[in-house]
Amino acid sequence: MAEIMVLANTARQNFVWIGLSLGLLLVGGIVAFILVRSRLRNGDDHNSASDTEVFSMEQLRRLRREGNISDGEYEVLKNQIIRNARL
């Protein structure tokens, strides 16, 4: 009889820990979802410093002069630099 009580108590403790673990996992998932969603809404997913390399106009001119970028790419990048400078 005592062994059954010990097993029942152990099973109850296991269910409590499993429930707490699942609850923490659910809360963590909700927090992660909210953070990702707010970051996407703010447009930060493409504008972080690690994702974007910053060029000066002189560097762009040199890249175009050396043939590393086309005239079209130069114009697009130049316009981005000008637009970002206005912000």
N, C-alpha and C. Protein backbone atom coordinates (compact mmCIF):
# COMPACT_ATOMS: atom_id res chain seq x y z
N MET A 1 0.82 -1.19 0.00
CA MET A 1 0.00 0.00 0.00
C MET A 1 0.87 1.26 0.00
N ALA A 2 1.95 1.25 0.76
CA ALA A 2 2.83 2.41 0.83
C ALA A 2 3.51 2.65 -0.51
N GLU A 3 3.82 1.55 -1.20
CA GLU A 3 4.47 1.69 -2.50
C GLU A 3 3.53 2.35 -3.50
N ILE A 4 2.25 2.04 -3.42
CA ILE A 4 1.26 2.64 -4.33
C ILE A 4 1.16 4.14 -4.05
N MET A 5 1.19 4.53 -2.78
CA MET A 5 1.12 5.95 -2.42
C MET A 5 2.36 6.70 -2.93
N VAL A 6 3.53 6.06 -2.84
CA VAL A 6 4.76 6.69 -3.32
C VAL A 6 4.70 6.86 -4.83
N LEU A 7 4.23 5.81 -5.52
CA LEU A 7 4.11 5.90 -6.98
C LEU A 7 3.10 6.96 -7.38
N ALA A 8 2.00 7.06 -6.70
CA ALA A 8 0.98 8.07 -7.00
C ALA A 8 1.53 9.46 -6.79
N ASN A 9 2.29 9.65 -5.70
CA ASN A 9 2.89 10.94 -5.40
C ASN A 9 3.92 11.32 -6.47
N THR A 10 4.73 10.35 -6.89
CA THR A 10 5.73 10.60 -7.93
C THR A 10 5.05 10.94 -9.25
N ALA A 11 4.00 10.23 -9.59
CA ALA A 11 3.26 10.52 -10.83
C ALA A 11 2.66 11.92 -10.78
N ARG A 12 2.12 12.30 -9.65
CA ARG A 12 1.53 13.63 -9.49
C ARG A 12 2.60 14.70 -9.66
N GLN A 13 3.79 14.49 -9.07
CA GLN A 13 4.88 15.45 -9.22
C GLN A 13 5.33 15.54 -10.67
N ASN A 14 5.39 14.39 -11.35
CA ASN A 14 5.76 14.40 -12.77
C ASN A 14 4.76 15.19 -13.60
N PHE A 15 3.47 15.03 -13.34
CA PHE A 15 2.46 15.77 -14.07
C PHE A 15 2.58 17.27 -13.81
N VAL A 16 2.89 17.63 -12.57
CA VAL A 16 3.06 19.05 -12.25
C VAL A 16 4.24 19.63 -13.04
N TRP A 17 5.37 18.92 -13.05
CA TRP A 17 6.54 19.42 -13.78
C TRP A 17 6.31 19.46 -15.29
N ILE A 18 5.62 18.46 -15.80
CA ILE A 18 5.30 18.46 -17.23
C ILE A 18 4.38 19.64 -17.56
N GLY A 19 3.40 19.87 -16.72
CA GLY A 19 2.48 21.00 -16.93
C GLY A 19 3.21 22.34 -16.87
N LEU A 20 4.09 22.49 -15.89
CA LEU A 20 4.87 23.73 -15.79
C LEU A 20 5.78 23.92 -17.00
N SER A 21 6.40 22.85 -17.45
CA SER A 21 7.27 22.93 -18.62
C SER A 21 6.50 23.33 -19.86
N LEU A 22 5.34 22.71 -20.08
CA LEU A 22 4.52 23.06 -21.22
C LEU A 22 4.02 24.50 -21.14
N GLY A 23 3.68 24.94 -19.94
CA GLY A 23 3.24 26.33 -19.74
C GLY A 23 4.35 27.32 -20.07
N LEU A 24 5.56 27.03 -19.61
CA LEU A 24 6.69 27.91 -19.91
C LEU A 24 7.00 27.92 -21.40
N LEU A 25 6.91 26.77 -22.03
CA LEU A 25 7.13 26.68 -23.47
C LEU A 25 6.08 27.50 -24.22
N LEU A 26 4.85 27.43 -23.81
CA LEU A 26 3.78 28.19 -24.44
C LEU A 26 4.00 29.69 -24.26
N VAL A 27 4.33 30.12 -23.05
CA VAL A 27 4.58 31.54 -22.79
C VAL A 27 5.77 32.03 -23.62
N GLY A 28 6.85 31.24 -23.67
CA GLY A 28 8.01 31.62 -24.47
C GLY A 28 7.67 31.75 -25.95
N GLY A 29 6.87 30.84 -26.46
CA GLY A 29 6.45 30.91 -27.85
C GLY A 29 5.61 32.14 -28.14
N ILE A 30 4.72 32.48 -27.22
CA ILE A 30 3.89 33.68 -27.40
C ILE A 30 4.75 34.94 -27.39
N VAL A 31 5.70 35.01 -26.46
CA VAL A 31 6.60 36.17 -26.40
C VAL A 31 7.42 36.28 -27.68
N ALA A 32 7.96 35.18 -28.16
CA ALA A 32 8.73 35.19 -29.40
C ALA A 32 7.87 35.64 -30.58
N PHE A 33 6.65 35.16 -30.65
CA PHE A 33 5.73 35.54 -31.72
C PHE A 33 5.46 37.04 -31.69
N ILE A 34 5.21 37.58 -30.51
CA ILE A 34 4.92 39.01 -30.38
C ILE A 34 6.13 39.84 -30.78
N LEU A 35 7.32 39.42 -30.35
CA LEU A 35 8.53 40.18 -30.70
C LEU A 35 8.79 40.17 -32.21
N VAL A 36 8.66 39.02 -32.84
CA VAL A 36 8.88 38.93 -34.28
C VAL A 36 7.83 39.75 -35.02
N ARG A 37 6.60 39.65 -34.60
CA ARG A 37 5.52 40.39 -35.26
C ARG A 37 5.71 41.90 -35.15
N SER A 38 6.12 42.38 -33.97
CA SER A 38 6.33 43.81 -33.81
C SER A 38 7.54 44.28 -34.62
N ARG A 39 8.56 43.44 -34.70
CA ARG A 39 9.74 43.81 -35.49
C ARG A 39 9.39 43.89 -36.97
N LEU A 40 8.59 42.96 -37.46
CA LEU A 40 8.17 42.99 -38.86
C LEU A 40 7.29 44.19 -39.16
N ARG A 41 6.43 44.55 -38.22
CA ARG A 41 5.57 45.72 -38.41
C ARG A 41 6.38 47.00 -38.50
N ASN A 42 7.46 47.07 -37.71
CA ASN A 42 8.29 48.28 -37.70
C ASN A 42 9.26 48.32 -38.86
N GLY A 43 9.37 47.25 -39.63
CA GLY A 43 10.26 47.22 -40.77
C GLY A 43 11.72 47.03 -40.39
N ASP A 44 11.99 46.59 -39.17
CA ASP A 44 13.36 46.43 -38.71
C ASP A 44 14.03 45.18 -39.26
N ASP A 45 13.26 44.30 -39.89
CA ASP A 45 13.85 43.05 -40.34
C ASP A 45 14.84 43.24 -41.48
N HIS A 46 14.77 44.35 -42.22
CA HIS A 46 15.69 44.56 -43.33
C HIS A 46 16.63 45.74 -43.10
N ASN A 47 16.50 46.41 -41.96
CA ASN A 47 17.27 47.62 -41.77
C ASN A 47 18.31 47.53 -40.68
N SER A 48 18.57 46.35 -40.14
CA SER A 48 19.57 46.27 -39.09
C SER A 48 20.96 46.40 -39.68
N ALA A 49 21.90 46.85 -38.87
CA ALA A 49 23.26 47.11 -39.35
C ALA A 49 23.92 45.84 -39.88
N SER A 50 23.58 44.68 -39.33
CA SER A 50 24.21 43.44 -39.79
C SER A 50 23.70 43.01 -41.15
N ASP A 51 22.50 43.49 -41.55
CA ASP A 51 21.92 43.10 -42.83
C ASP A 51 22.29 44.06 -43.96
N THR A 52 22.67 45.28 -43.63
CA THR A 52 22.86 46.31 -44.63
C THR A 52 24.28 46.84 -44.56
N GLU A 53 24.93 46.87 -45.71
CA GLU A 53 26.26 47.46 -45.76
C GLU A 53 26.11 48.90 -46.20
N VAL A 54 26.79 49.80 -45.52
CA VAL A 54 26.67 51.22 -45.80
C VAL A 54 27.84 51.65 -46.68
N PHE A 55 27.51 52.36 -47.76
CA PHE A 55 28.53 52.86 -48.68
C PHE A 55 28.47 54.38 -48.70
N SER A 56 29.62 54.98 -48.92
CA SER A 56 29.65 56.42 -49.17
C SER A 56 29.50 56.62 -50.68
N MET A 57 29.23 57.86 -51.06
CA MET A 57 29.10 58.16 -52.49
C MET A 57 30.43 57.90 -53.20
N GLU A 58 31.53 58.22 -52.56
CA GLU A 58 32.84 57.99 -53.18
C GLU A 58 33.07 56.50 -53.42
N GLN A 59 32.71 55.68 -52.45
CA GLN A 59 32.86 54.23 -52.63
C GLN A 59 31.99 53.73 -53.78
N LEU A 60 30.78 54.27 -53.90
CA LEU A 60 29.91 53.87 -55.00
C LEU A 60 30.52 54.28 -56.35
N ARG A 61 31.04 55.49 -56.41
CA ARG A 61 31.66 55.95 -57.65
C ARG A 61 32.83 55.04 -58.04
N ARG A 62 33.63 54.67 -57.05
CA ARG A 62 34.77 53.79 -57.31
C ARG A 62 34.29 52.42 -57.78
N LEU A 63 33.25 51.87 -57.15
CA LEU A 63 32.72 50.57 -57.57
C LEU A 63 32.22 50.63 -59.02
N ARG A 64 31.55 51.73 -59.37
CA ARG A 64 31.07 51.87 -60.75
C ARG A 64 32.23 52.04 -61.72
N ARG A 65 33.19 52.88 -61.36
CA ARG A 65 34.35 53.14 -62.21
C ARG A 65 35.14 51.86 -62.48
N GLU A 66 35.27 51.00 -61.44
CA GLU A 66 36.02 49.75 -61.58
C GLU A 66 35.20 48.64 -62.22
N GLY A 67 33.95 48.90 -62.50
CA GLY A 67 33.10 47.91 -63.16
C GLY A 67 32.49 46.88 -62.23
N ASN A 68 32.52 47.14 -60.91
CA ASN A 68 31.95 46.18 -59.95
C ASN A 68 30.43 46.27 -59.86
N ILE A 69 29.88 47.44 -60.22
CA ILE A 69 28.44 47.61 -60.26
C ILE A 69 28.09 48.30 -61.57
N SER A 70 26.88 48.06 -62.03
CA SER A 70 26.42 48.69 -63.28
C SER A 70 25.94 50.10 -62.99
N ASP A 71 25.69 50.86 -64.07
CA ASP A 71 25.17 52.21 -63.91
C ASP A 71 23.80 52.19 -63.23
N GLY A 72 22.99 51.20 -63.57
CA GLY A 72 21.67 51.07 -62.94
C GLY A 72 21.78 50.79 -61.45
N GLU A 73 22.68 49.88 -61.06
CA GLU A 73 22.88 49.59 -59.65
C GLU A 73 23.40 50.83 -58.92
N TYR A 74 24.29 51.56 -59.59
CA TYR A 74 24.83 52.80 -59.00
C TYR A 74 23.71 53.78 -58.70
N GLU A 75 22.80 53.97 -59.66
CA GLU A 75 21.70 54.91 -59.47
C GLU A 75 20.78 54.48 -58.32
N VAL A 76 20.48 53.19 -58.24
CA VAL A 76 19.61 52.68 -57.17
C VAL A 76 20.27 52.91 -55.81
N LEU A 77 21.55 52.56 -55.70
CA LEU A 77 22.26 52.72 -54.43
C LEU A 77 22.44 54.19 -54.07
N LYS A 78 22.71 55.02 -55.07
CA LYS A 78 22.86 56.45 -54.83
C LYS A 78 21.57 57.03 -54.28
N ASN A 79 20.43 56.64 -54.88
CA ASN A 79 19.14 57.13 -54.40
C ASN A 79 18.84 56.65 -52.99
N GLN A 80 19.26 55.43 -52.65
CA GLN A 80 19.07 54.93 -51.29
C GLN A 80 19.89 55.74 -50.29
N ILE A 81 21.12 56.06 -50.65
CA ILE A 81 21.97 56.87 -49.76
C ILE A 81 21.35 58.24 -49.55
N ILE A 82 20.88 58.85 -50.63
CA ILE A 82 20.26 60.17 -50.52
C ILE A 82 19.00 60.12 -49.67
N ARG A 83 18.16 59.09 -49.89
CA ARG A 83 16.94 58.93 -49.12
C ARG A 83 17.25 58.72 -47.64
N ASN A 84 18.24 57.89 -47.32
CA ASN A 84 18.59 57.64 -45.93
C ASN A 84 19.22 58.86 -45.27
N ALA A 85 19.91 59.68 -46.05
CA ALA A 85 20.53 60.89 -45.49
C ALA A 85 19.47 61.90 -45.08
N ARG A 86 18.33 61.86 -45.73
CA ARG A 86 17.24 62.79 -45.42
C ARG A 86 16.50 62.42 -44.15
N LEU A 87 16.62 61.17 -43.73
CA LEU A 87 15.90 60.70 -42.53
C LEU A 87 16.50 61.23 -41.31
